[in-house]
């Protein structure tokens, strides 16, 4: 996932792994309570924390999908 500011400038790249989460065919899954610990000495993390949530743009790039039969895409 990439978090961007209001102007589309990258703030921070975050790796997410949803291993073990099964989503049914034509279904969806909602993940709540996701968060990261902010290190006050990491400028990118401080910028993310200090940016108004409504001004953030989130882009997700799926790198792989593993189906219940073990095949991958």
N, C-alpha and C. Protein backbone atom coordinates (compact mmCIF):
# COMPACT_ATOMS: atom_id res chain seq x y z
N UNK A 1 0.85 -1.16 0.00
CA UNK A 1 0.00 0.00 0.00
C UNK A 1 0.90 1.23 0.00
N UNK A 2 0.49 2.22 -0.74
CA UNK A 2 1.20 3.50 -0.75
C UNK A 2 0.24 4.57 -0.26
N UNK A 3 0.69 5.33 0.71
CA UNK A 3 -0.07 6.48 1.20
C UNK A 3 0.51 7.71 0.52
N UNK A 4 -0.38 8.52 -0.06
CA UNK A 4 0.04 9.73 -0.77
C UNK A 4 -0.65 10.94 -0.17
N UNK A 5 -0.04 12.10 -0.38
CA UNK A 5 -0.67 13.33 0.10
C UNK A 5 -1.70 13.82 -0.91
N UNK A 6 -2.32 14.92 -0.62
CA UNK A 6 -3.40 15.48 -1.43
C UNK A 6 -2.97 15.74 -2.88
N UNK A 7 -1.67 15.94 -3.09
CA UNK A 7 -1.14 16.24 -4.42
C UNK A 7 -0.64 14.99 -5.14
N UNK A 8 -0.82 13.82 -4.52
CA UNK A 8 -0.40 12.57 -5.14
C UNK A 8 1.05 12.23 -4.92
N UNK A 9 1.71 12.93 -4.02
CA UNK A 9 3.11 12.66 -3.73
C UNK A 9 3.20 11.53 -2.69
N UNK A 10 4.02 10.53 -2.98
CA UNK A 10 4.18 9.40 -2.06
C UNK A 10 4.68 9.87 -0.70
N UNK A 11 4.03 9.37 0.35
CA UNK A 11 4.48 9.64 1.71
C UNK A 11 5.18 8.41 2.26
N UNK A 12 4.51 7.25 2.15
CA UNK A 12 5.03 6.05 2.78
C UNK A 12 4.50 4.81 2.09
N UNK A 13 5.39 3.82 1.87
CA UNK A 13 4.98 2.51 1.37
C UNK A 13 4.90 1.56 2.55
N UNK A 14 3.83 0.79 2.60
CA UNK A 14 3.60 -0.14 3.71
C UNK A 14 3.26 -1.50 3.11
N UNK A 15 3.93 -2.55 3.59
CA UNK A 15 3.63 -3.91 3.15
C UNK A 15 2.52 -4.49 4.03
N UNK A 16 1.48 -5.01 3.40
CA UNK A 16 0.38 -5.64 4.12
C UNK A 16 0.29 -7.11 3.70
N UNK A 17 0.00 -7.97 4.65
CA UNK A 17 -0.12 -9.40 4.38
C UNK A 17 -1.39 -9.90 5.04
N UNK A 18 -2.31 -10.39 4.22
CA UNK A 18 -3.58 -10.88 4.74
C UNK A 18 -3.65 -12.40 4.65
N UNK A 19 -2.51 -13.06 4.84
CA UNK A 19 -2.45 -14.52 4.83
C UNK A 19 -3.45 -15.08 5.85
N UNK A 20 -4.18 -16.09 5.41
CA UNK A 20 -5.14 -16.73 6.31
C UNK A 20 -6.53 -16.14 6.24
N UNK A 21 -6.71 -15.09 5.45
CA UNK A 21 -8.03 -14.46 5.30
C UNK A 21 -8.67 -15.02 4.03
N UNK A 22 -9.78 -15.72 4.17
CA UNK A 22 -10.49 -16.28 3.02
C UNK A 22 -11.62 -15.34 2.62
N UNK A 23 -11.65 -15.02 1.34
CA UNK A 23 -12.70 -14.17 0.79
C UNK A 23 -13.49 -15.03 -0.20
N UNK A 24 -14.79 -15.17 0.00
CA UNK A 24 -15.58 -16.02 -0.90
C UNK A 24 -15.65 -15.42 -2.31
N UNK A 25 -15.91 -16.29 -3.30
CA UNK A 25 -16.06 -15.83 -4.69
C UNK A 25 -17.12 -14.74 -4.74
N UNK A 26 -16.82 -13.67 -5.46
CA UNK A 26 -17.70 -12.51 -5.60
C UNK A 26 -18.00 -11.84 -4.26
N UNK A 27 -17.20 -12.12 -3.26
CA UNK A 27 -17.39 -11.54 -1.94
C UNK A 27 -16.42 -10.40 -1.68
N UNK A 28 -16.42 -9.95 -0.47
CA UNK A 28 -15.50 -8.90 -0.07
C UNK A 28 -15.12 -9.12 1.39
N UNK A 29 -14.10 -8.46 1.79
CA UNK A 29 -13.66 -8.53 3.17
C UNK A 29 -13.27 -7.14 3.62
N UNK A 30 -13.65 -6.80 4.82
CA UNK A 30 -13.33 -5.50 5.38
C UNK A 30 -12.37 -5.71 6.54
N UNK A 31 -11.27 -5.00 6.50
CA UNK A 31 -10.27 -5.10 7.56
C UNK A 31 -10.28 -3.81 8.35
N UNK A 32 -10.63 -3.91 9.61
CA UNK A 32 -10.66 -2.75 10.49
C UNK A 32 -9.53 -2.87 11.50
N UNK A 33 -9.29 -1.81 12.20
CA UNK A 33 -8.26 -1.80 13.24
C UNK A 33 -6.86 -2.01 12.71
N UNK A 34 -6.61 -1.63 11.45
CA UNK A 34 -5.25 -1.67 10.94
C UNK A 34 -4.54 -0.40 11.38
N UNK A 35 -3.29 -0.51 11.67
CA UNK A 35 -2.54 0.66 12.08
C UNK A 35 -1.05 0.38 12.05
N UNK A 36 -0.28 1.42 12.19
CA UNK A 36 1.17 1.27 12.29
C UNK A 36 1.66 2.09 13.47
N UNK A 37 2.77 1.67 14.02
CA UNK A 37 3.41 2.46 15.07
C UNK A 37 4.24 3.54 14.39
N UNK A 38 4.10 4.76 14.84
CA UNK A 38 4.83 5.90 14.27
C UNK A 38 6.12 6.11 15.04
N UNK A 39 7.22 6.11 14.31
CA UNK A 39 8.52 6.40 14.90
C UNK A 39 8.78 7.89 14.71
N UNK A 40 8.86 8.62 15.79
CA UNK A 40 9.00 10.07 15.71
C UNK A 40 10.29 10.51 15.04
N UNK A 41 11.22 9.59 14.80
CA UNK A 41 12.49 9.92 14.16
C UNK A 41 12.48 9.59 12.66
N UNK A 42 11.37 9.06 12.17
CA UNK A 42 11.22 8.74 10.75
C UNK A 42 10.33 9.80 10.10
N UNK A 43 10.92 10.67 9.30
CA UNK A 43 10.19 11.79 8.72
C UNK A 43 8.94 11.36 7.95
N UNK A 44 9.03 10.28 7.18
CA UNK A 44 7.87 9.82 6.39
C UNK A 44 6.71 9.41 7.31
N UNK A 45 7.03 8.73 8.39
CA UNK A 45 5.99 8.31 9.32
C UNK A 45 5.36 9.50 10.04
N UNK A 46 6.17 10.47 10.40
CA UNK A 46 5.67 11.68 11.05
C UNK A 46 4.78 12.46 10.09
N UNK A 47 5.18 12.53 8.81
CA UNK A 47 4.35 13.23 7.82
C UNK A 47 3.00 12.53 7.66
N UNK A 48 3.01 11.20 7.60
CA UNK A 48 1.76 10.45 7.49
C UNK A 48 0.86 10.75 8.69
N UNK A 49 1.43 10.70 9.87
CA UNK A 49 0.68 10.95 11.10
C UNK A 49 0.11 12.37 11.14
N UNK A 50 0.87 13.33 10.63
CA UNK A 50 0.47 14.73 10.71
C UNK A 50 -0.45 15.20 9.59
N UNK A 51 -0.70 14.33 8.61
CA UNK A 51 -1.56 14.70 7.49
C UNK A 51 -3.01 14.37 7.81
N UNK A 52 -3.90 15.31 7.54
CA UNK A 52 -5.33 15.10 7.75
C UNK A 52 -5.77 13.87 6.96
N UNK A 53 -6.47 12.94 7.60
CA UNK A 53 -6.89 11.69 6.96
C UNK A 53 -7.65 11.94 5.67
N UNK A 54 -8.50 12.96 5.64
CA UNK A 54 -9.28 13.25 4.43
C UNK A 54 -8.40 13.71 3.27
N UNK A 55 -7.17 14.11 3.57
CA UNK A 55 -6.24 14.55 2.53
C UNK A 55 -5.30 13.45 2.07
N UNK A 56 -5.48 12.24 2.59
CA UNK A 56 -4.63 11.12 2.20
C UNK A 56 -5.27 10.32 1.07
N UNK A 57 -4.43 9.82 0.19
CA UNK A 57 -4.85 8.95 -0.90
C UNK A 57 -4.14 7.61 -0.67
N UNK A 58 -4.89 6.53 -0.71
CA UNK A 58 -4.31 5.21 -0.51
C UNK A 58 -4.42 4.41 -1.80
N UNK A 59 -3.30 3.85 -2.23
CA UNK A 59 -3.27 2.99 -3.41
C UNK A 59 -2.79 1.62 -2.99
N UNK A 60 -3.46 0.59 -3.47
CA UNK A 60 -3.13 -0.79 -3.13
C UNK A 60 -2.70 -1.53 -4.38
N UNK A 61 -1.62 -2.27 -4.29
CA UNK A 61 -1.17 -3.10 -5.39
C UNK A 61 -1.12 -4.54 -4.89
N UNK A 62 -1.98 -5.37 -5.45
CA UNK A 62 -2.01 -6.78 -5.05
C UNK A 62 -0.86 -7.48 -5.75
N UNK A 63 -0.02 -8.14 -4.97
CA UNK A 63 1.15 -8.81 -5.54
C UNK A 63 0.89 -10.27 -5.81
N UNK A 64 0.03 -10.91 -5.04
CA UNK A 64 -0.30 -12.30 -5.31
C UNK A 64 -1.60 -12.67 -4.61
N UNK A 65 -2.25 -13.66 -5.21
CA UNK A 65 -3.48 -14.21 -4.63
C UNK A 65 -3.29 -15.73 -4.57
N UNK A 66 -3.61 -16.32 -3.44
CA UNK A 66 -3.53 -17.77 -3.29
C UNK A 66 -4.97 -18.27 -3.10
N UNK A 67 -5.39 -19.16 -3.98
CA UNK A 67 -6.73 -19.71 -3.92
C UNK A 67 -6.76 -20.91 -2.96
N UNK A 68 -7.96 -21.28 -2.52
CA UNK A 68 -8.09 -22.38 -1.56
C UNK A 68 -7.57 -23.70 -2.09
N UNK A 69 -7.51 -23.85 -3.44
CA UNK A 69 -6.97 -25.09 -3.99
C UNK A 69 -5.45 -25.05 -4.11
N UNK A 70 -4.83 -23.96 -3.65
CA UNK A 70 -3.38 -23.85 -3.66
C UNK A 70 -2.79 -23.16 -4.87
N UNK A 71 -3.60 -22.91 -5.91
CA UNK A 71 -3.07 -22.21 -7.07
C UNK A 71 -2.88 -20.73 -6.73
N UNK A 72 -1.98 -20.13 -7.46
CA UNK A 72 -1.69 -18.70 -7.22
C UNK A 72 -1.84 -17.89 -8.49
N UNK A 73 -2.02 -16.63 -8.29
CA UNK A 73 -2.14 -15.70 -9.41
C UNK A 73 -1.32 -14.48 -9.11
